Amino acid sequence: MSDDLAAPAEFEIPQGYVALDWRRGFGRQIGPLYRRVAGDAYTLAFRVEDHHTNGMVNAHGGMLMTFADMAWGHIVSVETSSYWVTVRLTVDFLSSARLGDWVEGGGEVLSRENTLFVVRGRVWSGERTLLTGTGVFKPLQPREPRPGERAFRGQ
């Protein structure tokens, strides 16, 4: 039996990034994804592979928006060691990512009020900004802290 995902091409992962070990669910379908921790900055990344592309062989807008959601919401995981959901995500598409591009994303917390995190984020490839926007995220339930995360502080 064959898998519907093409085998990823060999490439060198940029220094400081480690693969996220997602073996099930949606993360497995859109991966592989990578994470880098540098001080207080947390960045997610992926390399645009064939299964991420649209008919123009650019990263599909749905993939970029999904990635923005994960990269910007990731800060809730780091801050609370909890599972979280997206309440609202607003993005502005500014440029495209091409097959083979290394795409990175991260965000900063603008506010934490009424159990909601408001995050401003950016997704980029090299010097090109691909997306900017904001997200509102809600932590739901605590879980065991993963490396680099803080303990759950309650809702």
N, C-alpha and C. Protein backbone atom coordinates (compact mmCIF):
# COMPACT_ATOMS: atom_id res chain seq x y z
N MET A 1 0.84 -1.17 0.00
CA MET A 1 0.00 0.00 0.00
C MET A 1 0.89 1.23 0.00
N SER A 2 0.51 2.24 -0.76
CA SER A 2 1.31 3.46 -0.80
C SER A 2 0.62 4.58 -0.04
N ASP A 3 1.43 5.51 0.41
CA ASP A 3 0.92 6.68 1.10
C ASP A 3 0.66 7.76 0.07
N ASP A 4 -0.31 8.64 0.32
CA ASP A 4 -0.60 9.70 -0.64
C ASP A 4 0.37 10.87 -0.55
N LEU A 5 1.28 10.85 0.43
CA LEU A 5 2.27 11.91 0.56
C LEU A 5 3.57 11.49 -0.11
N ALA A 6 4.11 12.37 -0.92
CA ALA A 6 5.39 12.09 -1.56
C ALA A 6 6.50 12.12 -0.52
N ALA A 7 7.50 11.30 -0.72
CA ALA A 7 8.65 11.31 0.19
C ALA A 7 9.34 12.67 0.08
N PRO A 8 9.69 13.27 1.22
CA PRO A 8 10.34 14.58 1.15
C PRO A 8 11.72 14.51 0.51
N ALA A 9 12.06 15.55 -0.21
CA ALA A 9 13.39 15.64 -0.80
C ALA A 9 14.40 15.86 0.33
N GLU A 10 15.61 15.40 0.13
CA GLU A 10 16.66 15.61 1.12
C GLU A 10 17.10 17.07 1.09
N PHE A 11 17.22 17.67 2.26
CA PHE A 11 17.71 19.03 2.36
C PHE A 11 18.28 19.22 3.76
N GLU A 12 19.08 20.25 3.91
CA GLU A 12 19.69 20.52 5.20
C GLU A 12 18.78 21.45 6.00
N ILE A 13 18.46 21.03 7.21
CA ILE A 13 17.63 21.84 8.10
C ILE A 13 18.50 22.97 8.67
N PRO A 14 18.03 24.21 8.62
CA PRO A 14 18.83 25.32 9.17
C PRO A 14 19.18 25.09 10.64
N GLN A 15 20.31 25.61 11.03
CA GLN A 15 20.84 25.44 12.38
C GLN A 15 19.83 25.91 13.43
N GLY A 16 19.72 25.11 14.49
CA GLY A 16 18.85 25.44 15.61
C GLY A 16 17.46 24.86 15.51
N TYR A 17 17.06 24.38 14.34
CA TYR A 17 15.73 23.80 14.18
C TYR A 17 15.75 22.30 14.46
N VAL A 18 14.68 21.82 15.08
CA VAL A 18 14.48 20.38 15.30
C VAL A 18 13.10 20.02 14.77
N ALA A 19 12.99 18.82 14.26
CA ALA A 19 11.72 18.35 13.72
C ALA A 19 10.71 18.13 14.83
N LEU A 20 9.47 18.54 14.59
CA LEU A 20 8.38 18.20 15.50
C LEU A 20 7.98 16.77 15.22
N ASP A 21 7.80 16.00 16.24
CA ASP A 21 7.53 14.57 16.09
C ASP A 21 6.03 14.31 16.05
N TRP A 22 5.39 14.77 14.99
CA TRP A 22 3.96 14.54 14.84
C TRP A 22 3.76 13.33 13.95
N ARG A 23 3.16 12.30 14.50
CA ARG A 23 2.97 11.05 13.76
C ARG A 23 1.52 10.76 13.47
N ARG A 24 0.62 11.62 13.93
CA ARG A 24 -0.80 11.38 13.69
C ARG A 24 -1.51 12.68 13.42
N GLY A 25 -2.73 12.57 12.94
CA GLY A 25 -3.59 13.73 12.78
C GLY A 25 -3.16 14.70 11.70
N PHE A 26 -3.73 15.88 11.80
CA PHE A 26 -3.54 16.91 10.78
C PHE A 26 -2.09 17.35 10.65
N GLY A 27 -1.39 17.45 11.77
CA GLY A 27 0.02 17.86 11.73
C GLY A 27 0.86 16.94 10.88
N ARG A 28 0.54 15.65 10.89
CA ARG A 28 1.25 14.69 10.05
C ARG A 28 0.99 14.96 8.56
N GLN A 29 -0.22 15.37 8.25
CA GLN A 29 -0.58 15.61 6.85
C GLN A 29 0.11 16.83 6.26
N ILE A 30 0.33 17.86 7.07
CA ILE A 30 0.90 19.09 6.53
C ILE A 30 2.40 19.19 6.78
N GLY A 31 2.96 18.27 7.53
CA GLY A 31 4.38 18.33 7.89
C GLY A 31 5.28 17.93 6.74
N PRO A 32 6.55 17.80 7.05
CA PRO A 32 7.13 17.97 8.38
C PRO A 32 7.28 19.44 8.77
N LEU A 33 7.12 19.69 10.08
CA LEU A 33 7.29 21.02 10.65
C LEU A 33 8.47 20.99 11.61
N TYR A 34 9.06 22.16 11.82
CA TYR A 34 10.27 22.28 12.64
C TYR A 34 10.09 23.41 13.64
N ARG A 35 10.86 23.35 14.75
CA ARG A 35 10.78 24.36 15.80
C ARG A 35 12.19 24.80 16.20
N ARG A 36 12.31 26.10 16.48
CA ARG A 36 13.57 26.64 16.98
C ARG A 36 13.27 27.51 18.19
N VAL A 37 14.08 27.34 19.23
CA VAL A 37 13.98 28.18 20.42
C VAL A 37 15.28 28.96 20.52
N ALA A 38 15.18 30.28 20.56
CA ALA A 38 16.35 31.14 20.70
C ALA A 38 16.01 32.20 21.74
N GLY A 39 16.43 31.96 22.98
CA GLY A 39 16.06 32.87 24.07
C GLY A 39 14.57 32.78 24.32
N ASP A 40 13.88 33.91 24.23
CA ASP A 40 12.43 33.93 24.40
C ASP A 40 11.68 33.85 23.08
N ALA A 41 12.39 33.69 21.97
CA ALA A 41 11.76 33.62 20.66
C ALA A 41 11.55 32.17 20.24
N TYR A 42 10.33 31.88 19.83
CA TYR A 42 9.97 30.54 19.36
C TYR A 42 9.50 30.66 17.93
N THR A 43 10.14 29.92 17.04
CA THR A 43 9.82 29.99 15.63
C THR A 43 9.49 28.60 15.12
N LEU A 44 8.43 28.49 14.34
CA LEU A 44 8.12 27.26 13.62
C LEU A 44 8.53 27.45 12.17
N ALA A 45 8.75 26.34 11.46
CA ALA A 45 9.18 26.43 10.06
C ALA A 45 8.77 25.18 9.30
N PHE A 46 8.77 25.29 7.98
CA PHE A 46 8.60 24.14 7.09
C PHE A 46 9.25 24.46 5.76
N ARG A 47 9.58 23.43 5.04
CA ARG A 47 10.09 23.58 3.68
C ARG A 47 8.93 23.29 2.75
N VAL A 48 8.68 24.15 1.77
CA VAL A 48 7.57 23.94 0.85
C VAL A 48 7.87 22.73 -0.01
N GLU A 49 7.06 21.70 0.17
CA GLU A 49 7.17 20.47 -0.61
C GLU A 49 5.98 20.37 -1.54
N ASP A 50 6.03 19.40 -2.42
CA ASP A 50 4.99 19.25 -3.44
C ASP A 50 3.59 19.19 -2.84
N HIS A 51 3.42 18.50 -1.71
CA HIS A 51 2.08 18.36 -1.13
C HIS A 51 1.58 19.64 -0.48
N HIS A 52 2.40 20.69 -0.41
CA HIS A 52 1.97 21.99 0.11
C HIS A 52 1.54 22.95 -1.00
N THR A 53 1.72 22.58 -2.26
CA THR A 53 1.58 23.54 -3.36
C THR A 53 0.20 23.56 -4.00
N ASN A 54 -0.04 24.67 -4.72
CA ASN A 54 -1.24 24.83 -5.52
C ASN A 54 -0.89 24.57 -6.99
N GLY A 55 -1.77 24.89 -7.89
CA GLY A 55 -1.54 24.67 -9.32
C GLY A 55 -0.41 25.49 -9.91
N MET A 56 -0.01 26.57 -9.24
CA MET A 56 1.09 27.40 -9.72
C MET A 56 2.41 26.99 -9.09
N VAL A 57 2.41 25.89 -8.35
CA VAL A 57 3.58 25.34 -7.66
C VAL A 57 4.12 26.33 -6.61
N ASN A 58 3.22 27.12 -6.04
CA ASN A 58 3.51 27.95 -4.87
C ASN A 58 2.84 27.29 -3.68
N ALA A 59 3.27 27.66 -2.47
CA ALA A 59 2.59 27.15 -1.28
C ALA A 59 1.13 27.60 -1.35
N HIS A 60 0.23 26.67 -1.14
CA HIS A 60 -1.20 26.96 -1.17
C HIS A 60 -1.52 27.95 -0.05
N GLY A 61 -2.39 28.91 -0.32
CA GLY A 61 -2.78 29.88 0.69
C GLY A 61 -3.35 29.23 1.94
N GLY A 62 -4.05 28.12 1.77
CA GLY A 62 -4.58 27.39 2.93
C GLY A 62 -3.47 26.82 3.79
N MET A 63 -2.38 26.37 3.16
CA MET A 63 -1.23 25.88 3.92
C MET A 63 -0.58 27.02 4.68
N LEU A 64 -0.40 28.17 4.03
CA LEU A 64 0.23 29.30 4.69
C LEU A 64 -0.63 29.79 5.86
N MET A 65 -1.94 29.81 5.69
CA MET A 65 -2.82 30.25 6.77
C MET A 65 -2.82 29.24 7.92
N THR A 66 -2.83 27.97 7.58
CA THR A 66 -2.74 26.92 8.60
C THR A 66 -1.43 27.05 9.37
N PHE A 67 -0.35 27.26 8.65
CA PHE A 67 0.95 27.41 9.29
C PHE A 67 0.97 28.64 10.19
N ALA A 68 0.40 29.76 9.73
CA ALA A 68 0.34 30.97 10.55
C ALA A 68 -0.44 30.68 11.84
N ASP A 69 -1.54 29.99 11.74
CA ASP A 69 -2.34 29.63 12.90
C ASP A 69 -1.51 28.85 13.91
N MET A 70 -0.76 27.89 13.43
CA MET A 70 0.07 27.06 14.31
C MET A 70 1.26 27.84 14.87
N ALA A 71 1.92 28.61 14.04
CA ALA A 71 3.11 29.36 14.49
C ALA A 71 2.74 30.44 15.49
N TRP A 72 1.64 31.13 15.26
CA TRP A 72 1.23 32.21 16.15
C TRP A 72 0.59 31.65 17.41
N GLY A 73 -0.19 30.60 17.28
CA GLY A 73 -0.81 29.99 18.46
C GLY A 73 0.17 29.21 19.31
N HIS A 74 1.29 28.84 18.73
CA HIS A 74 2.31 28.07 19.46
C HIS A 74 2.74 28.78 20.75
N ILE A 75 2.68 30.10 20.74
CA ILE A 75 3.08 30.86 21.93
C ILE A 75 2.18 30.53 23.12
N VAL A 76 0.93 30.15 22.88
CA VAL A 76 0.04 29.75 23.97
C VAL A 76 0.55 28.46 24.59
N SER A 77 1.01 27.53 23.76
CA SER A 77 1.61 26.30 24.28
C SER A 77 2.81 26.61 25.15
N VAL A 78 3.66 27.50 24.68
CA VAL A 78 4.88 27.86 25.40
C VAL A 78 4.54 28.54 26.73
N GLU A 79 3.59 29.46 26.69
CA GLU A 79 3.25 30.24 27.88
C GLU A 79 2.44 29.46 28.91
N THR A 80 1.65 28.47 28.47
CA THR A 80 0.71 27.84 29.41
C THR A 80 0.80 26.32 29.50
N SER A 81 1.55 25.66 28.64
CA SER A 81 1.55 24.19 28.59
C SER A 81 0.13 23.65 28.59
N SER A 82 -0.63 24.12 27.63
CA SER A 82 -2.01 23.68 27.52
C SER A 82 -2.38 23.44 26.07
N TYR A 83 -3.46 22.69 25.90
CA TYR A 83 -4.07 22.59 24.59
C TYR A 83 -4.85 23.89 24.38
N TRP A 84 -4.94 24.36 23.14
CA TRP A 84 -5.59 25.63 22.86
C TRP A 84 -6.38 25.55 21.57
N VAL A 85 -7.27 26.51 21.40
CA VAL A 85 -8.04 26.62 20.16
C VAL A 85 -7.91 28.05 19.63
N THR A 86 -8.16 28.19 18.36
CA THR A 86 -8.15 29.49 17.71
C THR A 86 -9.56 30.07 17.76
N VAL A 87 -9.66 31.29 18.25
CA VAL A 87 -10.93 32.00 18.31
C VAL A 87 -11.10 32.83 17.03
N ARG A 88 -10.03 33.50 16.62
CA ARG A 88 -10.06 34.33 15.42
C ARG A 88 -8.66 34.38 14.82
N LEU A 89 -8.60 34.37 13.51
CA LEU A 89 -7.32 34.51 12.81
C LEU A 89 -7.54 35.45 11.63
N THR A 90 -6.76 36.50 11.58
CA THR A 90 -6.85 37.47 10.49
C THR A 90 -5.48 37.57 9.84
N VAL A 91 -5.43 37.35 8.52
CA VAL A 91 -4.14 37.40 7.84
C VAL A 91 -4.21 38.30 6.61
N ASP A 92 -3.08 38.89 6.30
CA ASP A 92 -2.89 39.61 5.05
C ASP A 92 -1.84 38.86 4.26
N PHE A 93 -2.19 38.41 3.06
CA PHE A 93 -1.26 37.70 2.19
C PHE A 93 -0.47 38.74 1.41
N LEU A 94 0.86 38.71 1.55
CA LEU A 94 1.70 39.73 0.95
C LEU A 94 2.61 39.21 -0.16
N SER A 95 2.98 37.93 -0.08
CA SER A 95 3.87 37.34 -1.08
C SER A 95 3.66 35.83 -1.09
N SER A 96 4.21 35.18 -2.08
CA SER A 96 4.06 33.72 -2.17
C SER A 96 5.36 33.03 -1.78
N ALA A 97 5.21 31.77 -1.43
CA ALA A 97 6.37 30.90 -1.17
C ALA A 97 6.41 29.86 -2.27
N ARG A 98 7.59 29.60 -2.77
CA ARG A 98 7.76 28.69 -3.90
C ARG A 98 8.20 27.30 -3.43
N LEU A 99 8.00 26.33 -4.28
CA LEU A 99 8.46 24.97 -4.01
C LEU A 99 9.94 25.02 -3.61
N GLY A 100 10.29 24.42 -2.48
CA GLY A 100 11.66 24.39 -1.99
C GLY A 100 12.00 25.49 -1.02
N ASP A 101 11.17 26.54 -0.90
CA ASP A 101 11.45 27.64 0.02
C ASP A 101 11.36 27.17 1.47
N TRP A 102 12.20 27.75 2.32
CA TRP A 102 12.15 27.54 3.77
C TRP A 102 11.28 28.66 4.33
N VAL A 103 10.18 28.30 4.98
CA VAL A 103 9.20 29.26 5.49
C VAL A 103 9.24 29.23 7.01
N GLU A 104 9.30 30.41 7.63
CA GLU A 104 9.35 30.53 9.08
C GLU A 104 8.21 31.41 9.57
N GLY A 105 7.83 31.22 10.82
CA GLY A 105 6.77 32.04 11.39
C GLY A 105 6.88 32.14 12.89
N GLY A 106 6.45 33.26 13.41
CA GLY A 106 6.44 33.47 14.85
C GLY A 106 5.55 34.64 15.19
N GLY A 107 5.34 34.81 16.49
CA GLY A 107 4.48 35.89 16.93
C GLY A 107 4.86 36.42 18.29
N GLU A 108 4.19 37.49 18.66
CA GLU A 108 4.39 38.09 19.98
C GLU A 108 3.03 38.35 20.61
N VAL A 109 2.95 38.14 21.91
CA VAL A 109 1.70 38.35 22.63
C VAL A 109 1.48 39.86 22.80
N LEU A 110 0.31 40.32 22.35
CA LEU A 110 -0.07 41.71 22.55
C LEU A 110 -0.84 41.89 23.84
N SER A 111 -1.68 40.90 24.19
CA SER A 111 -2.42 40.98 25.45
C SER A 111 -2.87 39.59 25.89
N ARG A 112 -3.10 39.50 27.19
CA ARG A 112 -3.66 38.29 27.82
C ARG A 112 -4.78 38.77 28.73
N GLU A 113 -6.00 38.66 28.27
CA GLU A 113 -7.14 39.11 29.06
C GLU A 113 -8.29 38.13 28.91
N ASN A 114 -9.01 37.93 30.03
CA ASN A 114 -10.19 37.07 30.03
C ASN A 114 -9.90 35.71 29.41
N THR A 115 -8.79 35.11 29.75
CA THR A 115 -8.32 33.81 29.27
C THR A 115 -8.05 33.77 27.77
N LEU A 116 -7.91 34.92 27.14
CA LEU A 116 -7.62 34.98 25.71
C LEU A 116 -6.25 35.60 25.49
N PHE A 117 -5.52 35.04 24.55
CA PHE A 117 -4.23 35.57 24.12
C PHE A 117 -4.43 36.24 22.76
N VAL A 118 -4.03 37.49 22.64
CA VAL A 118 -4.03 38.18 21.35
C VAL A 118 -2.58 38.23 20.89
N VAL A 119 -2.33 37.69 19.70
CA VAL A 119 -0.97 37.54 19.19
C VAL A 119 -0.86 38.24 17.84
N ARG A 120 0.22 39.00 17.66
CA ARG A 120 0.55 39.58 16.36
C ARG A 120 1.64 38.70 15.76
N GLY A 121 1.48 38.33 14.49
CA GLY A 121 2.44 37.41 13.91
C GLY A 121 2.88 37.77 12.51
N ARG A 122 3.90 37.04 12.11
CA ARG A 122 4.50 37.21 10.78
C ARG A 122 4.96 35.86 10.28
N VAL A 123 4.83 35.62 8.97
CA VAL A 123 5.36 34.44 8.30
C VAL A 123 6.25 34.97 7.17
N TRP A 124 7.46 34.39 7.04
CA TRP A 124 8.43 34.91 6.08
C TRP A 124 9.24 33.78 5.45
N SER A 125 9.87 34.10 4.34
CA SER A 125 10.83 33.22 3.68
C SER A 125 12.01 34.08 3.27
N GLY A 126 13.14 33.87 3.91
CA GLY A 126 14.30 34.73 3.66
C GLY A 126 13.97 36.15 4.03
N GLU A 127 14.12 37.07 3.10
CA GLU A 127 13.84 38.48 3.35
C GLU A 127 12.40 38.87 3.02
N ARG A 128 11.64 37.93 2.43
CA ARG A 128 10.27 38.24 2.01
C ARG A 128 9.26 37.94 3.12
N THR A 129 8.44 38.92 3.46
CA THR A 129 7.32 38.69 4.36
C THR A 129 6.18 38.12 3.52
N LEU A 130 5.67 36.95 3.93
CA LEU A 130 4.60 36.29 3.20
C LEU A 130 3.22 36.66 3.75
N LEU A 131 3.11 36.67 5.07
CA LEU A 131 1.85 36.98 5.74
C LEU A 131 2.13 37.81 6.98
N THR A 132 1.19 38.65 7.32
CA THR A 132 1.16 39.29 8.64
C THR A 132 -0.27 39.16 9.14
N GLY A 133 -0.44 39.32 10.42
CA GLY A 133 -1.80 39.26 10.93
C GLY A 133 -1.85 39.14 12.43
N THR A 134 -3.05 38.84 12.91
CA THR A 134 -3.27 38.65 14.34
C THR A 134 -4.14 37.42 14.56
N GLY A 135 -3.99 36.88 15.75
CA GLY A 135 -4.81 35.75 16.14
C GLY A 135 -5.25 35.90 17.58
N VAL A 136 -6.41 35.36 17.87
CA VAL A 136 -6.91 35.29 19.24
C VAL A 136 -7.01 33.81 19.57
N PHE A 137 -6.37 33.41 20.67
CA PHE A 137 -6.25 32.00 21.04
C PHE A 137 -6.69 31.81 22.48
N LYS A 138 -7.32 30.66 22.76
CA LYS A 138 -7.82 30.37 24.10
C LYS A 138 -7.23 29.05 24.59
N PRO A 139 -6.49 29.08 25.72
CA PRO A 139 -6.03 27.82 26.31
C PRO A 139 -7.24 27.07 26.88
N LEU A 140 -7.26 25.74 26.68
CA LEU A 140 -8.40 24.95 27.13
C LEU A 140 -8.12 24.09 28.35
N GLN A 141 -7.12 23.22 28.23
CA GLN A 141 -6.85 22.34 29.36
C GLN A 141 -5.35 22.12 29.49
N PRO A 142 -4.88 22.05 30.73
CA PRO A 142 -3.45 21.88 30.93
C PRO A 142 -2.97 20.50 30.48
N ARG A 143 -1.68 20.42 30.19
CA ARG A 143 -1.03 19.15 29.88
C ARG A 143 0.38 19.24 30.44
N GLU A 144 1.08 18.15 30.42
CA GLU A 144 2.46 18.14 30.91
C GLU A 144 3.31 19.09 30.07
N PRO A 145 4.12 19.93 30.73
CA PRO A 145 4.99 20.84 29.97
C PRO A 145 5.97 20.07 29.08
N ARG A 146 6.16 20.58 27.87
CA ARG A 146 7.15 20.04 26.95
C ARG A 146 8.41 20.87 27.10
N PRO A 147 9.53 20.39 26.59
CA PRO A 147 10.78 21.17 26.72
C PRO A 147 10.60 22.62 26.24
N GLY A 148 11.02 23.56 27.08
CA GLY A 148 10.95 24.97 26.74
C GLY A 148 9.66 25.65 27.11
N GLU A 149 8.69 24.90 27.64
CA GLU A 149 7.40 25.50 28.02
C GLU A 149 7.35 25.81 29.51
N ARG A 150 6.46 26.75 29.82
CA ARG A 150 6.20 27.09 31.23
C ARG A 150 5.02 26.26 31.72
N ALA A 151 4.91 26.10 33.00
CA ALA A 151 3.79 25.34 33.58
C ALA A 151 2.48 26.11 33.40
N PHE A 152 1.39 25.39 33.36
CA PHE A 152 0.07 25.97 33.21
C PHE A 152 -0.24 26.91 34.37
N ARG A 153 -0.74 28.10 34.05
CA ARG A 153 -1.04 29.10 35.08
C ARG A 153 -2.52 29.26 35.36
N GLY A 154 -3.34 28.41 34.82
CA GLY A 154 -4.79 28.49 35.07
C GLY A 154 -5.47 29.45 34.12
N GLN A 155 -6.81 29.36 34.12
CA GLN A 155 -7.59 30.20 33.21
C GLN A 155 -8.33 31.28 33.92
